[in-house]
Amino acid sequence: MQACLATGAYCAIDLHNFARFNGKIIGQSSGGPTDAQFADLWTQLATKYKSNTKVIFGLMNEPHDVDITAWANTVQLAVTAIRNAGASTQMILLPGNNFTSAGTFVSNGSGAALIKVTNPDGSTTGLILDVHKYLDTDNSGTHSECTTDNISDAFALVAAFLRESGRKALVSETGAGSSSSVSRLVPTPAKPSC
């Protein structure tokens, strides 16, 4: 984190375990991590970085197979913990179900559940919906061939939802191969980057 911040870039702390610990879903599985433990972890991280405006809090990477209503409650507790720790200006990324896929973010209820999450003062400033989408056949980012631009079946749906709800989102993961299929989907620039 310090090496990233030393570059002057915005840097995200992103917990990367799919809303699980030892296979148990945070706040939803008996014997798994509790919402209070998750909020405490975020309290500690927020306390450390509360004075650094270049830090972004990515609450969780790619939750999946969660009860989205319960997960939104877990997210709310983490947001409240971060803000109450004094990190009042940093961006917080709110991830949805199904690996936070842009393609299902609206249809699986993630968007509707997460737009109810607010800062302790009731505002939504700095609370950004987190979405992912890859250009390959199974949305994994592991294939060299790009098969879709995801506009009509993913990003257009998310964009319409955002306009209707007055919220913002960030595509925090995407990727494309380095094959000629990229140029068919993205006519400019000459050198696509992954």
C-alpha atoms as a PDB file:
ATOM      1  CA  MET A   1       0.000   0.000   0.000  1.00  0.00           C
ATOM      2  CA  GLN A   2       2.798   2.398   0.863  1.00  0.00           C
ATOM      3  CA  ALA A   3       4.543   1.747  -2.465  1.00  0.00           C
ATOM      4  CA  CYS A   4       1.314   2.485  -4.326  1.00  0.00           C
ATOM      5  CA  LEU A   5       0.640   5.662  -2.360  1.00  0.00           C
ATOM      6  CA  ALA A   6       4.236   6.827  -2.926  1.00  0.00           C
ATOM      7  CA  THR A   7       3.465   7.101  -6.652  1.00  0.00           C
ATOM      8  CA  GLY A   8       0.797   9.729  -6.005  1.00  0.00           C
ATOM      9  CA  ALA A   9      -1.917   7.481  -7.449  1.00  0.00           C
ATOM     10  CA  TYR A  10      -5.222   6.608  -5.858  1.00  0.00           C
ATOM     11  CA  CYS A  11      -4.793   3.205  -4.223  1.00  0.00           C
ATOM     12  CA  ALA A  12      -7.487   0.740  -3.228  1.00  0.00           C
ATOM     13  CA  ILE A  13      -7.459  -1.582  -0.265  1.00  0.00           C
ATOM     14  CA  ASP A  14      -9.559  -4.443  -1.598  1.00  0.00           C
ATOM     15  CA  LEU A  15     -10.311  -7.460   0.560  1.00  0.00           C
ATOM     16  CA  HIS A  16     -10.063 -10.347  -1.833  1.00  0.00           C
ATOM     17  CA  ASN A  17     -11.891 -13.377  -0.465  1.00  0.00           C
ATOM     18  CA  PHE A  18     -15.352 -13.357  -2.072  1.00  0.00           C
ATOM     19  CA  ALA A  19     -17.128 -12.455   1.223  1.00  0.00           C
ATOM     20  CA  ARG A  20     -15.819 -15.623   2.821  1.00  0.00           C
ATOM     21  CA  PHE A  21     -13.372 -16.877   5.400  1.00  0.00           C
ATOM     22  CA  ASN A  22     -12.699 -20.613   5.565  1.00  0.00           C
ATOM     23  CA  GLY A  23     -15.604 -21.096   3.170  1.00  0.00           C
ATOM     24  CA  LYS A  24     -18.133 -19.334   5.429  1.00  0.00           C
ATOM     25  CA  ILE A  25     -19.947 -16.199   4.250  1.00  0.00           C
ATOM     26  CA  ILE A  26     -19.429 -13.070   6.329  1.00  0.00           C
ATOM     27  CA  GLY A  27     -22.500 -12.410   8.438  1.00  0.00           C
ATOM     28  CA  GLN A  28     -24.455 -15.265   6.844  1.00  0.00           C
ATOM     29  CA  SER A  29     -22.873 -18.595   7.790  1.00  0.00           C
ATOM     30  CA  SER A  30     -22.942 -20.159  11.208  1.00  0.00           C
ATOM     31  CA  GLY A  31     -19.405 -20.257  12.524  1.00  0.00           C
ATOM     32  CA  GLY A  32     -18.237 -17.738   9.945  1.00  0.00           C
ATOM     33  CA  PRO A  33     -17.000 -14.201  10.448  1.00  0.00           C
ATOM     34  CA  THR A  34     -19.620 -11.941  11.955  1.00  0.00           C
ATOM     35  CA  ASP A  35     -20.697  -8.570  10.665  1.00  0.00           C
ATOM     36  CA  ALA A  36     -19.109  -7.079  13.794  1.00  0.00           C
ATOM     37  CA  GLN A  37     -15.759  -8.680  12.946  1.00  0.00           C
ATOM     38  CA  PHE A  38     -15.954  -7.378   9.388  1.00  0.00           C
ATOM     39  CA  ALA A  39     -16.822  -3.882  10.628  1.00  0.00           C
ATOM     40  CA  ASP A  40     -13.963  -4.057  13.144  1.00  0.00           C
ATOM     41  CA  LEU A  41     -11.496  -4.923  10.381  1.00  0.00           C
ATOM     42  CA  TRP A  42     -12.681  -1.899   8.400  1.00  0.00           C
ATOM     43  CA  THR A  43     -12.502   0.290  11.511  1.00  0.00           C
ATOM     44  CA  GLN A  44      -8.837  -0.626  11.899  1.00  0.00           C
ATOM     45  CA  LEU A  45      -8.034   0.010   8.229  1.00  0.00           C
ATOM     46  CA  ALA A  46      -9.990   3.276   8.163  1.00  0.00           C
ATOM     47  CA  THR A  47      -8.274   4.463  11.330  1.00  0.00           C
ATOM     48  CA  LYS A  48      -4.875   3.873   9.714  1.00  0.00           C
ATOM     49  CA  TYR A  49      -5.743   5.641   6.453  1.00  0.00           C
ATOM     50  CA  LYS A  50      -8.328   8.227   7.509  1.00  0.00           C
ATOM     51  CA  SER A  51      -6.041  11.160   6.763  1.00  0.00           C
ATOM     52  CA  ASN A  52      -5.042   9.947   3.298  1.00  0.00           C
ATOM     53  CA  THR A  53      -7.466  11.118   0.628  1.00  0.00           C
ATOM     54  CA  LYS A  54      -5.783   8.900  -1.998  1.00  0.00           C
ATOM     55  CA  VAL A  55      -6.989   5.701  -0.323  1.00  0.00           C
ATOM     56  CA  ILE A  56     -10.056   3.924  -1.676  1.00  0.00           C
ATOM     57  CA  PHE A  57     -11.801   1.322   0.466  1.00  0.00           C
ATOM     58  CA  GLY A  58     -12.862  -1.673  -1.646  1.00  0.00           C
ATOM     59  CA  LEU A  59     -15.046  -3.488   0.853  1.00  0.00           C
ATOM     60  CA  MET A  60     -14.834  -6.940  -0.754  1.00  0.00           C
ATOM     61  CA  ASN A  61     -13.790  -8.458  -4.023  1.00  0.00           C
ATOM     62  CA  GLU A  62     -16.473 -10.383  -5.854  1.00  0.00           C
ATOM     63  CA  PRO A  63     -18.998 -11.671  -3.333  1.00  0.00           C
ATOM     64  CA  HIS A  64     -21.034 -14.519  -4.752  1.00  0.00           C
ATOM     65  CA  ASP A  65     -23.942 -16.714  -3.716  1.00  0.00           C
ATOM     66  CA  VAL A  66     -24.841 -14.348  -0.896  1.00  0.00           C
ATOM     67  CA  ASP A  67     -28.259 -13.258   0.328  1.00  0.00           C
ATOM     68  CA  ILE A  68     -28.083  -9.770  -1.190  1.00  0.00           C
ATOM     69  CA  THR A  69     -30.321  -8.175   1.425  1.00  0.00           C
ATOM     70  CA  ALA A  70     -28.182  -9.556   4.252  1.00  0.00           C
ATOM     71  CA  TRP A  71     -25.036  -8.618   2.335  1.00  0.00           C
ATOM     72  CA  ALA A  72     -26.261  -5.020   1.929  1.00  0.00           C
ATOM     73  CA  ASN A  73     -26.692  -4.908   5.731  1.00  0.00           C
ATOM     74  CA  THR A  74     -23.098  -6.126   6.135  1.00  0.00           C
ATOM     75  CA  VAL A  75     -21.935  -3.454   3.690  1.00  0.00           C
ATOM     76  CA  GLN A  76     -23.875  -0.801   5.610  1.00  0.00           C
ATOM     77  CA  LEU A  77     -22.168  -1.773   8.856  1.00  0.00           C
ATOM     78  CA  ALA A  78     -18.740  -1.560   7.183  1.00  0.00           C
ATOM     79  CA  VAL A  79     -19.521   1.860   5.665  1.00  0.00           C
ATOM     80  CA  THR A  80     -20.692   3.146   9.039  1.00  0.00           C
ATOM     81  CA  ALA A  81     -17.549   1.772  10.707  1.00  0.00           C
ATOM     82  CA  ILE A  82     -15.277   3.446   8.146  1.00  0.00           C
ATOM     83  CA  ARG A  83     -16.983   6.818   8.430  1.00  0.00           C
ATOM     84  CA  ASN A  84     -17.168   6.653  12.238  1.00  0.00           C
ATOM     85  CA  ALA A  85     -13.411   5.938  12.312  1.00  0.00           C
ATOM     86  CA  GLY A  86     -12.870   9.350  10.753  1.00  0.00           C
ATOM     87  CA  ALA A  87     -12.402   8.393   7.101  1.00  0.00           C
ATOM     88  CA  SER A  88     -15.019  10.866   5.956  1.00  0.00           C
ATOM     89  CA  THR A  89     -13.902  11.719   2.427  1.00  0.00           C
ATOM     90  CA  GLN A  90     -12.536   8.516   0.939  1.00  0.00           C
ATOM     91  CA  MET A  91     -14.341   6.611  -1.787  1.00  0.00           C
ATOM     92  CA  ILE A  92     -15.918   3.335  -0.639  1.00  0.00           C
ATOM     93  CA  LEU A  93     -16.669   0.678  -3.261  1.00  0.00           C
ATOM     94  CA  LEU A  94     -19.884  -1.285  -2.689  1.00  0.00           C
ATOM     95  CA  PRO A  95     -19.751  -4.756  -4.311  1.00  0.00           C
ATOM     96  CA  GLY A  96     -22.766  -6.791  -5.347  1.00  0.00           C
ATOM     97  CA  ASN A  97     -23.570 -10.476  -5.756  1.00  0.00           C
ATOM     98  CA  ASN A  98     -22.495 -12.823  -8.588  1.00  0.00           C
ATOM     99  CA  PHE A  99     -18.860 -11.692  -8.502  1.00  0.00           C
ATOM    100  CA  THR A 100     -20.194  -8.105  -8.748  1.00  0.00           C
ATOM    101  CA  SER A 101     -20.776  -8.668 -12.460  1.00  0.00           C
ATOM    102  CA  ALA A 102     -22.076  -5.661 -14.375  1.00  0.00           C
ATOM    103  CA  GLY A 103     -24.122  -8.110 -16.439  1.00  0.00           C
ATOM    104  CA  THR A 104     -26.301  -9.138 -13.488  1.00  0.00           C
ATOM    105  CA  PHE A 105     -25.869  -6.189 -11.119  1.00  0.00           C
ATOM    106  CA  VAL A 106     -29.373  -4.891 -11.782  1.00  0.00           C
ATOM    107  CA  SER A 107     -31.227  -8.158 -12.444  1.00  0.00           C
ATOM    108  CA  ASN A 108     -29.966  -9.968  -9.330  1.00  0.00           C
ATOM    109  CA  GLY A 109     -31.003  -7.145  -6.999  1.00  0.00           C
ATOM    110  CA  SER A 110     -27.510  -5.972  -6.093  1.00  0.00           C
ATOM    111  CA  GLY A 111     -28.089  -2.434  -7.321  1.00  0.00           C
ATOM    112  CA  ALA A 112     -31.437  -2.068  -5.573  1.00  0.00           C
ATOM    113  CA  ALA A 113     -30.056  -3.410  -2.293  1.00  0.00           C
ATOM    114  CA  LEU A 114     -26.831  -1.403  -2.335  1.00  0.00           C
ATOM    115  CA  ILE A 115     -28.341   1.992  -3.186  1.00  0.00           C
ATOM    116  CA  LYS A 116     -29.973   1.840   0.242  1.00  0.00           C
ATOM    117  CA  VAL A 117     -26.516   1.964   1.861  1.00  0.00           C
ATOM    118  CA  THR A 118     -25.733   5.456   3.175  1.00  0.00           C
ATOM    119  CA  ASN A 119     -23.157   7.336   5.167  1.00  0.00           C
ATOM    120  CA  PRO A 120     -24.070   7.845   8.843  1.00  0.00           C
ATOM    121  CA  ASP A 121     -25.426  11.311   7.965  1.00  0.00           C
ATOM    122  CA  GLY A 122     -27.797   9.796   5.390  1.00  0.00           C
ATOM    123  CA  SER A 123     -25.851  11.045   2.372  1.00  0.00           C
ATOM    124  CA  THR A 124     -24.357   8.840  -0.343  1.00  0.00           C
ATOM    125  CA  THR A 125     -21.287  10.970  -1.042  1.00  0.00           C
ATOM    126  CA  GLY A 126     -18.298   8.779  -1.830  1.00  0.00           C
ATOM    127  CA  LEU A 127     -20.317   5.560  -1.918  1.00  0.00           C
ATOM    128  CA  ILE A 128     -19.632   4.057  -5.331  1.00  0.00           C
ATOM    129  CA  LEU A 129     -21.183   0.882  -6.708  1.00  0.00           C
ATOM    130  CA  ASP A 130     -18.469  -1.584  -7.700  1.00  0.00           C
ATOM    131  CA  VAL A 131     -18.844  -3.593 -10.919  1.00  0.00           C
ATOM    132  CA  HIS A 132     -16.660  -5.977 -12.920  1.00  0.00           C
ATOM    133  CA  LYS A 133     -16.879  -7.154 -16.508  1.00  0.00           C
ATOM    134  CA  TYR A 134     -14.459  -8.911 -18.835  1.00  0.00           C
ATOM    135  CA  LEU A 135     -14.612  -9.174 -22.606  1.00  0.00           C
ATOM    136  CA  ASP A 136     -14.067 -12.912 -23.027  1.00  0.00           C
ATOM    137  CA  THR A 137     -16.575 -15.706 -23.460  1.00  0.00           C
ATOM    138  CA  ASP A 138     -17.233 -16.500 -19.787  1.00  0.00           C
ATOM    139  CA  ASN A 139     -16.443 -13.161 -18.102  1.00  0.00           C
ATOM    140  CA  SER A 140     -13.368 -14.624 -16.397  1.00  0.00           C
ATOM    141  CA  GLY A 141     -10.651 -12.639 -18.130  1.00  0.00           C
ATOM    142  CA  THR A 142      -8.719 -15.860 -18.697  1.00  0.00           C
ATOM    143  CA  HIS A 143      -9.247 -16.285 -22.452  1.00  0.00           C
ATOM    144  CA  SER A 144      -7.219 -14.509 -25.111  1.00  0.00           C
ATOM    145  CA  GLU A 145     -10.176 -13.957 -27.455  1.00  0.00           C
ATOM    146  CA  CYS A 146     -12.587 -11.107 -26.818  1.00  0.00           C
ATOM    147  CA  THR A 147     -16.150 -11.967 -27.753  1.00  0.00           C
ATOM    148  CA  THR A 148     -18.227  -9.008 -26.556  1.00  0.00           C
ATOM    149  CA  ASP A 149     -18.008  -5.344 -25.645  1.00  0.00           C
ATOM    150  CA  ASN A 150     -20.691  -5.892 -22.946  1.00  0.00           C
ATOM    151  CA  ILE A 151     -22.491  -2.687 -23.877  1.00  0.00           C
ATOM    152  CA  SER A 152     -26.074  -3.809 -24.550  1.00  0.00           C
ATOM    153  CA  ASP A 153     -26.126  -6.753 -22.134  1.00  0.00           C
ATOM    154  CA  ALA A 154     -24.279  -5.166 -19.212  1.00  0.00           C
ATOM    155  CA  PHE A 155     -23.012  -1.589 -19.202  1.00  0.00           C
ATOM    156  CA  ALA A 156     -26.113  -0.018 -20.779  1.00  0.00           C
ATOM    157  CA  LEU A 157     -28.282  -1.655 -18.109  1.00  0.00           C
ATOM    158  CA  VAL A 158     -26.024  -0.464 -15.292  1.00  0.00           C
ATOM    159  CA  ALA A 159     -25.839   3.040 -16.807  1.00  0.00           C
ATOM    160  CA  ALA A 160     -29.649   3.272 -16.993  1.00  0.00           C
ATOM    161  CA  PHE A 161     -29.916   2.126 -13.371  1.00  0.00           C
ATOM    162  CA  LEU A 162     -27.344   4.698 -12.282  1.00  0.00           C
ATOM    163  CA  ARG A 163     -29.139   7.510 -14.086  1.00  0.00           C
ATOM    164  CA  GLU A 164     -32.469   6.496 -12.516  1.00  0.00           C
ATOM    165  CA  SER A 165     -31.025   6.193  -9.011  1.00  0.00           C
ATOM    166  CA  GLY A 166     -28.672   9.173  -9.186  1.00  0.00           C
ATOM    167  CA  ARG A 167     -25.706   7.030  -8.161  1.00  0.00           C
ATOM    168  CA  LYS A 168     -22.220   6.346  -9.534  1.00  0.00           C
ATOM    169  CA  ALA A 169     -20.315   3.154 -10.262  1.00  0.00           C
ATOM    170  CA  LEU A 170     -16.731   2.214 -10.950  1.00  0.00           C
ATOM    171  CA  VAL A 171     -15.587  -0.646 -13.147  1.00  0.00           C
ATOM    172  CA  SER A 172     -12.855  -1.870 -10.833  1.00  0.00           C
ATOM    173  CA  GLU A 173     -12.004  -4.966 -12.872  1.00  0.00           C
ATOM    174  CA  THR A 174     -12.009  -5.486 -16.600  1.00  0.00           C
ATOM    175  CA  GLY A 175      -9.689  -6.943 -19.152  1.00  0.00           C
ATOM    176  CA  ALA A 176      -9.157  -7.998 -22.703  1.00  0.00           C
ATOM    177  CA  GLY A 177      -6.767 -10.261 -24.474  1.00  0.00           C
ATOM    178  CA  SER A 178      -3.966  -9.082 -26.707  1.00  0.00           C
ATOM    179  CA  SER A 179      -5.337 -10.807 -29.792  1.00  0.00           C
ATOM    180  CA  SER A 180      -6.779  -9.202 -32.916  1.00  0.00           C
ATOM    181  CA  SER A 181     -10.291  -9.791 -31.530  1.00  0.00           C
ATOM    182  CA  VAL A 182      -9.807  -6.749 -29.297  1.00  0.00           C
ATOM    183  CA  SER A 183      -9.518  -4.452 -32.299  1.00  0.00           C
ATOM    184  CA  ARG A 184     -12.822  -5.772 -33.670  1.00  0.00           C
ATOM    185  CA  LEU A 185     -14.582  -4.753 -30.449  1.00  0.00           C
ATOM    186  CA  VAL A 186     -12.637  -1.587 -29.745  1.00  0.00           C
ATOM    187  CA  PRO A 187     -11.733   0.105 -33.039  1.00  0.00           C
ATOM    188  CA  THR A 188      -9.545   2.721 -31.377  1.00  0.00           C
ATOM    189  CA  PRO A 189      -6.820   2.824 -29.917  1.00  0.00           C
ATOM    190  CA  ALA A 190      -4.179   1.069 -31.975  1.00  0.00           C
ATOM    191  CA  LYS A 191      -2.615  -0.707 -28.971  1.00  0.00           C
ATOM    192  CA  PRO A 192      -5.213  -2.154 -26.572  1.00  0.00           C
ATOM    193  CA  SER A 193      -4.031  -2.627 -23.028  1.00  0.00           C
ATOM    194  CA  CYS A 194      -5.037  -5.388 -20.675  1.00  0.00           C
END
